[in-house]
Amino acid sequence: MISIDIDHFRARVLQDALTEVLPDYWRNRAQQFEDAAPKLGEFHGNATSEELRARWRECKTTAQACRNHAELLEAGLPDHITDEVTDVLEEVA
């Protein structure tokens, strides 16, 4: 049986949610994807050139999406909150 500290879990979920609304979080994520992209001179195992190019494009595309998200947050554009979330919050209030 798994023992879960519900109070810690709730606090962790809230902390993660608050962190993800910060532009710096998304810029950091962008840098992580930039760093993860395959680079010349690294050991790539059995990956083919085609696979490496595809992975490089995926990392760069995801990094750009993270930077775009940071810019939207900086512009003050709020994320849409679904009706289901609003309903649940009203039920527990």
PDB file of N, CA and C in Angstrom:
ATOM      1  N   MET A   1       0.837  -1.180   0.000  1.00  0.00           N
ATOM      2  CA  MET A   1       0.000   0.000   0.000  1.00  0.00           C
ATOM      3  C   MET A   1       0.889   1.252   0.000  1.00  0.00           C
ATOM      4  N   ILE A   2       0.502   2.227  -0.771  1.00  0.00           N
ATOM      5  CA  ILE A   2       1.246   3.472  -0.864  1.00  0.00           C
ATOM      6  C   ILE A   2       0.678   4.468   0.135  1.00  0.00           C
ATOM      7  N   SER A   3       1.577   5.090   0.893  1.00  0.00           N
ATOM      8  CA  SER A   3       1.170   6.107   1.856  1.00  0.00           C
ATOM      9  C   SER A   3       1.433   7.479   1.241  1.00  0.00           C
ATOM     10  N   ILE A   4       0.386   8.293   1.175  1.00  0.00           N
ATOM     11  CA  ILE A   4       0.503   9.623   0.573  1.00  0.00           C
ATOM     12  C   ILE A   4       0.164  10.684   1.615  1.00  0.00           C
ATOM     13  N   ASP A   5       1.045  11.655   1.745  1.00  0.00           N
ATOM     14  CA  ASP A   5       0.791  12.797   2.613  1.00  0.00           C
ATOM     15  C   ASP A   5      -0.051  13.796   1.800  1.00  0.00           C
ATOM     16  N   ILE A   6      -1.342  13.783   2.025  1.00  0.00           N
ATOM     17  CA  ILE A   6      -2.271  14.588   1.235  1.00  0.00           C
ATOM     18  C   ILE A   6      -1.963  16.079   1.351  1.00  0.00           C
ATOM     19  N   ASP A   7      -1.615  16.548   2.539  1.00  0.00           N
ATOM     20  CA  ASP A   7      -1.306  17.971   2.699  1.00  0.00           C
ATOM     21  C   ASP A   7      -0.080  18.363   1.881  1.00  0.00           C
ATOM     22  N   HIS A   8       0.933  17.523   1.895  1.00  0.00           N
ATOM     23  CA  HIS A   8       2.135  17.791   1.099  1.00  0.00           C
ATOM     24  C   HIS A   8       1.797  17.757  -0.396  1.00  0.00           C
ATOM     25  N   PHE A   9       0.978  16.782  -0.778  1.00  0.00           N
ATOM     26  CA  PHE A   9       0.570  16.661  -2.187  1.00  0.00           C
ATOM     27  C   PHE A   9      -0.161  17.922  -2.643  1.00  0.00           C
ATOM     28  N   ARG A  10      -1.118  18.393  -1.840  1.00  0.00           N
ATOM     29  CA  ARG A  10      -1.852  19.611  -2.185  1.00  0.00           C
ATOM     30  C   ARG A  10      -0.917  20.811  -2.306  1.00  0.00           C
ATOM     31  N   ALA A  11      -0.005  20.923  -1.369  1.00  0.00           N
ATOM     32  CA  ALA A  11       0.949  22.038  -1.400  1.00  0.00           C
ATOM     33  C   ALA A  11       1.830  21.963  -2.640  1.00  0.00           C
ATOM     34  N   ARG A  12       2.261  20.759  -3.013  1.00  0.00           N
ATOM     35  CA  ARG A  12       3.114  20.571  -4.186  1.00  0.00           C
ATOM     36  C   ARG A  12       2.371  20.938  -5.467  1.00  0.00           C
ATOM     37  N   VAL A  13       1.108  20.533  -5.570  1.00  0.00           N
ATOM     38  CA  VAL A  13       0.299  20.859  -6.751  1.00  0.00           C
ATOM     39  C   VAL A  13       0.132  22.368  -6.863  1.00  0.00           C
ATOM     40  N   LEU A  14      -0.162  23.024  -5.755  1.00  0.00           N
ATOM     41  CA  LEU A  14      -0.321  24.472  -5.762  1.00  0.00           C
ATOM     42  C   LEU A  14       0.997  25.156  -6.129  1.00  0.00           C
ATOM     43  N   GLN A  15       2.113  24.684  -5.557  1.00  0.00           N
ATOM     44  CA  GLN A  15       3.412  25.276  -5.863  1.00  0.00           C
ATOM     45  C   GLN A  15       3.734  25.130  -7.346  1.00  0.00           C
ATOM     46  N   ASP A  16       3.500  23.943  -7.903  1.00  0.00           N
ATOM     47  CA  ASP A  16       3.759  23.723  -9.331  1.00  0.00           C
ATOM     48  C   ASP A  16       2.891  24.631 -10.196  1.00  0.00           C
ATOM     49  N   ALA A  17       1.627  24.773  -9.822  1.00  0.00           N
ATOM     50  CA  ALA A  17       0.723  25.630 -10.601  1.00  0.00           C
ATOM     51  C   ALA A  17       1.188  27.083 -10.568  1.00  0.00           C
ATOM     52  N   LEU A  18       1.612  27.545  -9.404  1.00  0.00           N
ATOM     53  CA  LEU A  18       2.072  28.924  -9.290  1.00  0.00           C
ATOM     54  C   LEU A  18       3.381  29.138 -10.042  1.00  0.00           C
ATOM     55  N   THR A  19       4.250  28.165 -10.006  1.00  0.00           N
ATOM     56  CA  THR A  19       5.535  28.265 -10.697  1.00  0.00           C
ATOM     57  C   THR A  19       5.337  28.339 -12.202  1.00  0.00           C
ATOM     58  N   GLU A  20       4.396  27.568 -12.716  1.00  0.00           N
ATOM     59  CA  GLU A  20       4.195  27.507 -14.164  1.00  0.00           C
ATOM     60  C   GLU A  20       3.561  28.753 -14.757  1.00  0.00           C
ATOM     61  N   VAL A  21       3.150  29.693 -13.937  1.00  0.00           N
ATOM     62  CA  VAL A  21       2.625  30.948 -14.488  1.00  0.00           C
ATOM     63  C   VAL A  21       3.700  32.023 -14.555  1.00  0.00           C
ATOM     64  N   LEU A  22       4.925  31.675 -14.206  1.00  0.00           N
ATOM     65  CA  LEU A  22       6.022  32.641 -14.245  1.00  0.00           C
ATOM     66  C   LEU A  22       6.772  32.547 -15.568  1.00  0.00           C
ATOM     67  N   PRO A  23       6.989  33.667 -16.231  1.00  0.00           N
ATOM     68  CA  PRO A  23       7.727  33.648 -17.499  1.00  0.00           C
ATOM     69  C   PRO A  23       9.120  33.027 -17.372  1.00  0.00           C
ATOM     70  N   ASP A  24       9.787  33.262 -16.236  1.00  0.00           N
ATOM     71  CA  ASP A  24      11.130  32.689 -16.054  1.00  0.00           C
ATOM     72  C   ASP A  24      11.116  31.167 -16.084  1.00  0.00           C
ATOM     73  N   TYR A  25      10.051  30.552 -15.586  1.00  0.00           N
ATOM     74  CA  TYR A  25       9.929  29.098 -15.635  1.00  0.00           C
ATOM     75  C   TYR A  25       9.986  28.625 -17.091  1.00  0.00           C
ATOM     76  N   TRP A  26       9.255  29.310 -17.962  1.00  0.00           N
ATOM     77  CA  TRP A  26       9.178  28.900 -19.364  1.00  0.00           C
ATOM     78  C   TRP A  26      10.458  29.214 -20.122  1.00  0.00           C
ATOM     79  N   ARG A  27      11.130  30.301 -19.745  1.00  0.00           N
ATOM     80  CA  ARG A  27      12.434  30.574 -20.362  1.00  0.00           C
ATOM     81  C   ARG A  27      13.451  29.509 -19.952  1.00  0.00           C
ATOM     82  N   ASN A  28      13.379  29.086 -18.707  1.00  0.00           N
ATOM     83  CA  ASN A  28      14.260  28.021 -18.226  1.00  0.00           C
ATOM     84  C   ASN A  28      13.970  26.709 -18.964  1.00  0.00           C
ATOM     85  N   ARG A  29      12.696  26.407 -19.149  1.00  0.00           N
ATOM     86  CA  ARG A  29      12.328  25.192 -19.896  1.00  0.00           C
ATOM     87  C   ARG A  29      12.854  25.278 -21.329  1.00  0.00           C
ATOM     88  N   ALA A  30      12.761  26.456 -21.938  1.00  0.00           N
ATOM     89  CA  ALA A  30      13.281  26.643 -23.295  1.00  0.00           C
ATOM     90  C   ALA A  30      14.772  26.326 -23.330  1.00  0.00           C
ATOM     91  N   GLN A  31      15.505  26.824 -22.348  1.00  0.00           N
ATOM     92  CA  GLN A  31      16.948  26.566 -22.303  1.00  0.00           C
ATOM     93  C   GLN A  31      17.236  25.077 -22.118  1.00  0.00           C
ATOM     94  N   GLN A  32      16.423  24.400 -21.339  1.00  0.00           N
ATOM     95  CA  GLN A  32      16.611  22.958 -21.144  1.00  0.00           C
ATOM     96  C   GLN A  32      16.441  22.202 -22.463  1.00  0.00           C
ATOM     97  N   PHE A  33      15.466  22.607 -23.269  1.00  0.00           N
ATOM     98  CA  PHE A  33      15.290  21.952 -24.571  1.00  0.00           C
ATOM     99  C   PHE A  33      16.420  22.314 -25.522  1.00  0.00           C
ATOM    100  N   GLU A  34      16.902  23.564 -25.462  1.00  0.00           N
ATOM    101  CA  GLU A  34      18.055  23.953 -26.277  1.00  0.00           C
ATOM    102  C   GLU A  34      19.259  23.089 -25.911  1.00  0.00           C
ATOM    103  N   ASP A  35      19.482  22.915 -24.607  1.00  0.00           N
ATOM    104  CA  ASP A  35      20.607  22.115 -24.130  1.00  0.00           C
ATOM    105  C   ASP A  35      20.475  20.644 -24.506  1.00  0.00           C
ATOM    106  N   ALA A  36      19.239  20.160 -24.625  1.00  0.00           N
ATOM    107  CA  ALA A  36      19.005  18.746 -24.931  1.00  0.00           C
ATOM    108  C   ALA A  36      19.162  18.423 -26.413  1.00  0.00           C
ATOM    109  N   ALA A  37      19.159  19.424 -27.264  1.00  0.00           N
ATOM    110  CA  ALA A  37      19.275  19.188 -28.707  1.00  0.00           C
ATOM    111  C   ALA A  37      20.634  18.567 -29.017  1.00  0.00           C
ATOM    112  N   PRO A  38      20.658  17.581 -29.917  1.00  0.00           N
ATOM    113  CA  PRO A  38      21.930  16.952 -30.288  1.00  0.00           C
ATOM    114  C   PRO A  38      22.908  17.984 -30.846  1.00  0.00           C
ATOM    115  N   LYS A  39      24.173  17.808 -30.511  1.00  0.00           N
ATOM    116  CA  LYS A  39      25.213  18.725 -30.965  1.00  0.00           C
ATOM    117  C   LYS A  39      26.328  17.949 -31.661  1.00  0.00           C
ATOM    118  N   LEU A  40      26.993  18.619 -32.583  1.00  0.00           N
ATOM    119  CA  LEU A  40      28.123  18.009 -33.274  1.00  0.00           C
ATOM    120  C   LEU A  40      29.207  17.659 -32.265  1.00  0.00           C
ATOM    121  N   GLY A  41      29.828  16.523 -32.468  1.00  0.00           N
ATOM    122  CA  GLY A  41      30.926  16.112 -31.610  1.00  0.00           C
ATOM    123  C   GLY A  41      30.497  15.315 -30.394  1.00  0.00           C
ATOM    124  N   GLU A  42      29.202  15.277 -30.105  1.00  0.00           N
ATOM    125  CA  GLU A  42      28.718  14.475 -28.985  1.00  0.00           C
ATOM    126  C   GLU A  42      28.589  13.016 -29.418  1.00  0.00           C
ATOM    127  N   PHE A  43      28.609  12.113 -28.447  1.00  0.00           N
ATOM    128  CA  PHE A  43      28.362  10.709 -28.740  1.00  0.00           C
ATOM    129  C   PHE A  43      26.865  10.521 -28.900  1.00  0.00           C
ATOM    130  N   HIS A  44      26.452   9.947 -30.030  1.00  0.00           N
ATOM    131  CA  HIS A  44      25.031   9.783 -30.329  1.00  0.00           C
ATOM    132  C   HIS A  44      24.603   8.325 -30.426  1.00  0.00           C
ATOM    133  N   GLY A  45      25.454   7.413 -29.985  1.00  0.00           N
ATOM    134  CA  GLY A  45      25.075   6.005 -30.023  1.00  0.00           C
ATOM    135  C   GLY A  45      24.815   5.542 -31.435  1.00  0.00           C
ATOM    136  N   ASN A  46      23.722   4.843 -31.615  1.00  0.00           N
ATOM    137  CA  ASN A  46      23.372   4.287 -32.919  1.00  0.00           C
ATOM    138  C   ASN A  46      22.401   5.170 -33.701  1.00  0.00           C
ATOM    139  N   ALA A  47      22.164   6.383 -33.235  1.00  0.00           N
ATOM    140  CA  ALA A  47      21.212   7.269 -33.913  1.00  0.00           C
ATOM    141  C   ALA A  47      21.742   7.644 -35.292  1.00  0.00           C
ATOM    142  N   THR A  48      20.835   7.631 -36.250  1.00  0.00           N
ATOM    143  CA  THR A  48      21.210   8.018 -37.617  1.00  0.00           C
ATOM    144  C   THR A  48      21.209   9.547 -37.729  1.00  0.00           C
ATOM    145  N   SER A  49      21.821  10.039 -38.784  1.00  0.00           N
ATOM    146  CA  SER A  49      21.832  11.488 -39.025  1.00  0.00           C
ATOM    147  C   SER A  49      20.414  12.009 -39.150  1.00  0.00           C
ATOM    148  N   GLU A  50      19.562  11.252 -39.792  1.00  0.00           N
ATOM    149  CA  GLU A  50      18.158  11.655 -39.956  1.00  0.00           C
ATOM    150  C   GLU A  50      17.457  11.743 -38.600  1.00  0.00           C
ATOM    151  N   GLU A  51      17.686  10.758 -37.742  1.00  0.00           N
ATOM    152  CA  GLU A  51      17.079  10.771 -36.409  1.00  0.00           C
ATOM    153  C   GLU A  51      17.599  11.950 -35.587  1.00  0.00           C
ATOM    154  N   LEU A  52      18.875  12.237 -35.696  1.00  0.00           N
ATOM    155  CA  LEU A  52      19.459  13.360 -34.963  1.00  0.00           C
ATOM    156  C   LEU A  52      18.899  14.687 -35.440  1.00  0.00           C
ATOM    157  N   ARG A  53      18.740  14.825 -36.759  1.00  0.00           N
ATOM    158  CA  ARG A  53      18.153  16.054 -37.298  1.00  0.00           C
ATOM    159  C   ARG A  53      16.714  16.222 -36.810  1.00  0.00           C
ATOM    160  N   ALA A  54      15.964  15.128 -36.798  1.00  0.00           N
ATOM    161  CA  ALA A  54      14.574  15.185 -36.332  1.00  0.00           C
ATOM    162  C   ALA A  54      14.522  15.576 -34.860  1.00  0.00           C
ATOM    163  N   ARG A  55      15.379  14.997 -34.044  1.00  0.00           N
ATOM    164  CA  ARG A  55      15.403  15.323 -32.617  1.00  0.00           C
ATOM    165  C   ARG A  55      15.818  16.780 -32.417  1.00  0.00           C
ATOM    166  N   TRP A  56      16.795  17.256 -33.199  1.00  0.00           N
ATOM    167  CA  TRP A  56      17.240  18.646 -33.108  1.00  0.00           C
ATOM    168  C   TRP A  56      16.078  19.592 -33.406  1.00  0.00           C
ATOM    169  N   ARG A  57      15.336  19.297 -34.490  1.00  0.00           N
ATOM    170  CA  ARG A  57      14.176  20.136 -34.853  1.00  0.00           C
ATOM    171  C   ARG A  57      13.123  20.121 -33.746  1.00  0.00           C
ATOM    172  N   GLU A  58      12.855  18.949 -33.188  1.00  0.00           N
ATOM    173  CA  GLU A  58      11.856  18.849 -32.117  1.00  0.00           C
ATOM    174  C   GLU A  58      12.272  19.674 -30.901  1.00  0.00           C
ATOM    175  N   CYS A  59      13.524  19.577 -30.522  1.00  0.00           N
ATOM    176  CA  CYS A  59      14.010  20.346 -29.370  1.00  0.00           C
ATOM    177  C   CYS A  59      13.922  21.842 -29.631  1.00  0.00           C
ATOM    178  N   LYS A  60      14.331  22.271 -30.812  1.00  0.00           N
ATOM    179  CA  LYS A  60      14.294  23.696 -31.141  1.00  0.00           C
ATOM    180  C   LYS A  60      12.860  24.214 -31.219  1.00  0.00           C
ATOM    181  N   THR A  61      11.959  23.427 -31.784  1.00  0.00           N
ATOM    182  CA  THR A  61      10.548  23.820 -31.887  1.00  0.00           C
ATOM    183  C   THR A  61       9.920  23.929 -30.502  1.00  0.00           C
ATOM    184  N   THR A  62      10.206  22.980 -29.635  1.00  0.00           N
ATOM    185  CA  THR A  62       9.656  23.011 -28.282  1.00  0.00           C
ATOM    186  C   THR A  62      10.233  24.183 -27.498  1.00  0.00           C
ATOM    187  N   ALA A  63      11.518  24.445 -27.671  1.00  0.00           N
ATOM    188  CA  ALA A  63      12.138  25.594 -26.997  1.00  0.00           C
ATOM    189  C   ALA A  63      11.466  26.891 -27.427  1.00  0.00           C
ATOM    190  N   GLN A  64      11.186  27.032 -28.711  1.00  0.00           N
ATOM    191  CA  GLN A  64      10.524  28.241 -29.200  1.00  0.00           C
ATOM    192  C   GLN A  64       9.116  28.360 -28.629  1.00  0.00           C
ATOM    193  N   ALA A  65       8.409  27.242 -28.532  1.00  0.00           N
ATOM    194  CA  ALA A  65       7.062  27.266 -27.947  1.00  0.00           C
ATOM    195  C   ALA A  65       7.123  27.719 -26.486  1.00  0.00           C
ATOM    196  N   CYS A  66       8.127  27.281 -25.760  1.00  0.00           N
ATOM    197  CA  CYS A  66       8.288  27.715 -24.365  1.00  0.00           C
ATOM    198  C   CYS A  66       8.568  29.214 -24.288  1.00  0.00           C
ATOM    199  N   ARG A  67       9.431  29.725 -25.176  1.00  0.00           N
ATOM    200  CA  ARG A  67       9.713  31.161 -25.193  1.00  0.00           C
ATOM    201  C   ARG A  67       8.456  31.955 -25.558  1.00  0.00           C
ATOM    202  N   ASN A  68       7.678  31.445 -26.499  1.00  0.00           N
ATOM    203  CA  ASN A  68       6.417  32.105 -26.875  1.00  0.00           C
ATOM    204  C   ASN A  68       5.470  32.166 -25.686  1.00  0.00           C
ATOM    205  N   HIS A  69       5.406  31.076 -24.934  1.00  0.00           N
ATOM    206  CA  HIS A  69       4.529  31.026 -23.763  1.00  0.00           C
ATOM    207  C   HIS A  69       4.969  32.067 -22.733  1.00  0.00           C
ATOM    208  N   ALA A  70       6.284  32.187 -22.521  1.00  0.00           N
ATOM    209  CA  ALA A  70       6.806  33.190 -21.587  1.00  0.00           C
ATOM    210  C   ALA A  70       6.404  34.591 -22.026  1.00  0.00           C
ATOM    211  N   GLU A  71       6.481  34.858 -23.320  1.00  0.00           N
ATOM    212  CA  GLU A  71       6.112  36.181 -23.836  1.00  0.00           C
ATOM    213  C   GLU A  71       4.632  36.472 -23.611  1.00  0.00           C
ATOM    214  N   LEU A  72       3.788  35.472 -23.800  1.00  0.00           N
ATOM    215  CA  LEU A  72       2.355  35.659 -23.557  1.00  0.00           C
ATOM    216  C   LEU A  72       2.090  35.969 -22.086  1.00  0.00           C
ATOM    217  N   LEU A  73       2.775  35.251 -21.210  1.00  0.00           N
ATOM    218  CA  LEU A  73       2.603  35.515 -19.785  1.00  0.00           C
ATOM    219  C   LEU A  73       3.069  36.926 -19.428  1.00  0.00           C
ATOM    220  N   GLU A  74       4.182  37.355 -20.022  1.00  0.00           N
ATOM    221  CA  GLU A  74       4.682  38.703 -19.761  1.00  0.00           C
ATOM    222  C   GLU A  74       3.720  39.770 -20.278  1.00  0.00           C
ATOM    223  N   ALA A  75       3.005  39.445 -21.340  1.00  0.00           N
ATOM    224  CA  ALA A  75       2.043  40.391 -21.903  1.00  0.00           C
ATOM    225  C   ALA A  75       0.772  40.467 -21.057  1.00  0.00           C
ATOM    226  N   GLY A  76       0.679  39.582 -20.064  1.00  0.00           N
ATOM    227  CA  GLY A  76      -0.463  39.612 -19.162  1.00  0.00           C
ATOM    228  C   GLY A  76      -1.694  38.923 -19.699  1.00  0.00           C
ATOM    229  N   LEU A  77      -1.502  38.083 -20.705  1.00  0.00           N
ATOM    230  CA  LEU A  77      -2.650  37.366 -21.257  1.00  0.00           C
ATOM    231  C   LEU A  77      -2.991  36.185 -20.353  1.00  0.00           C
ATOM    232  N   PRO A  78      -4.150  36.209 -19.717  1.00  0.00           N
ATOM    233  CA  PRO A  78      -4.499  35.108 -18.818  1.00  0.00           C
ATOM    234  C   PRO A  78      -4.878  33.854 -19.602  1.00  0.00           C
ATOM    235  N   ASP A  79      -4.546  32.722 -19.004  1.00  0.00           N
ATOM    236  CA  ASP A  79      -4.981  31.459 -19.589  1.00  0.00           C
ATOM    237  C   ASP A  79      -6.475  31.305 -19.349  1.00  0.00           C
ATOM    238  N   HIS A  80      -7.143  30.696 -20.291  1.00  0.00           N
ATOM    239  CA  HIS A  80      -8.573  30.443 -20.164  1.00  0.00           C
ATOM    240  C   HIS A  80      -8.806  29.405 -19.067  1.00  0.00           C
ATOM    241  N   ILE A  81      -9.725  29.679 -18.192  1.00  0.00           N
ATOM    242  CA  ILE A  81     -10.093  28.724 -17.147  1.00  0.00           C
ATOM    243  C   ILE A  81     -11.404  28.084 -17.572  1.00  0.00           C
ATOM    244  N   THR A  82     -11.384  26.766 -17.650  1.00  0.00           N
ATOM    245  CA  THR A  82     -12.563  26.051 -18.148  1.00  0.00           C
ATOM    246  C   THR A  82     -13.715  26.122 -17.147  1.00  0.00           C
ATOM    247  N   ASP A  83     -14.914  25.909 -17.665  1.00  0.00           N
ATOM    248  CA  ASP A  83     -16.101  25.906 -16.817  1.00  0.00           C
ATOM    249  C   ASP A  83     -16.023  24.800 -15.772  1.00  0.00           C
ATOM    250  N   GLU A  84     -15.410  23.667 -16.122  1.00  0.00           N
ATOM    251  CA  GLU A  84     -15.298  22.550 -15.171  1.00  0.00           C
ATOM    252  C   GLU A  84     -14.479  22.962 -13.962  1.00  0.00           C
ATOM    253  N   VAL A  85     -13.383  23.677 -14.185  1.00  0.00           N
ATOM    254  CA  VAL A  85     -12.551  24.119 -13.050  1.00  0.00           C
ATOM    255  C   VAL A  85     -13.328  25.103 -12.189  1.00  0.00           C
ATOM    256  N   THR A  86     -14.014  26.037 -12.813  1.00  0.00           N
ATOM    257  CA  THR A  86     -14.826  27.010 -12.056  1.00  0.00           C
ATOM    258  C   THR A  86     -15.895  26.308 -11.238  1.00  0.00           C
ATOM    259  N   ASP A  87     -16.554  25.313 -11.830  1.00  0.00           N
ATOM    260  CA  ASP A  87     -17.591  24.561 -11.119  1.00  0.00           C
ATOM    261  C   ASP A  87     -17.029  23.851  -9.890  1.00  0.00           C
ATOM    262  N   VAL A  88     -15.880  23.213 -10.052  1.00  0.00           N
ATOM    263  CA  VAL A  88     -15.265  22.482  -8.933  1.00  0.00           C
ATOM    264  C   VAL A  88     -14.883  23.450  -7.831  1.00  0.00           C
ATOM    265  N   LEU A  89     -14.302  24.585  -8.192  1.00  0.00           N
ATOM    266  CA  LEU A  89     -13.903  25.564  -7.177  1.00  0.00           C
ATOM    267  C   LEU A  89     -15.120  26.094  -6.426  1.00  0.00           C
ATOM    268  N   GLU A  90     -16.231  26.271  -7.114  1.00  0.00           N
ATOM    269  CA  GLU A  90     -17.448  26.731  -6.444  1.00  0.00           C
ATOM    270  C   GLU A  90     -17.982  25.657  -5.507  1.00  0.00           C
ATOM    271  N   GLU A  91     -17.861  24.396  -5.895  1.00  0.00           N
ATOM    272  CA  GLU A  91     -18.353  23.293  -5.057  1.00  0.00           C
ATOM    273  C   GLU A  91     -17.574  23.186  -3.745  1.00  0.00           C
ATOM    274  N   VAL A  92     -16.271  23.424  -3.802  1.00  0.00           N
ATOM    275  CA  VAL A  92     -15.454  23.249  -2.588  1.00  0.00           C
ATOM    276  C   VAL A  92     -15.361  24.528  -1.760  1.00  0.00           C
ATOM    277  N   ALA A  93     -15.886  25.626  -2.273  1.00  0.00           N
ATOM    278  CA  ALA A  93     -15.811  26.896  -1.529  1.00  0.00           C
ATOM    279  C   ALA A  93     -16.827  26.932  -0.409  1.00  0.00           C
TER     280      ALA A  93
END
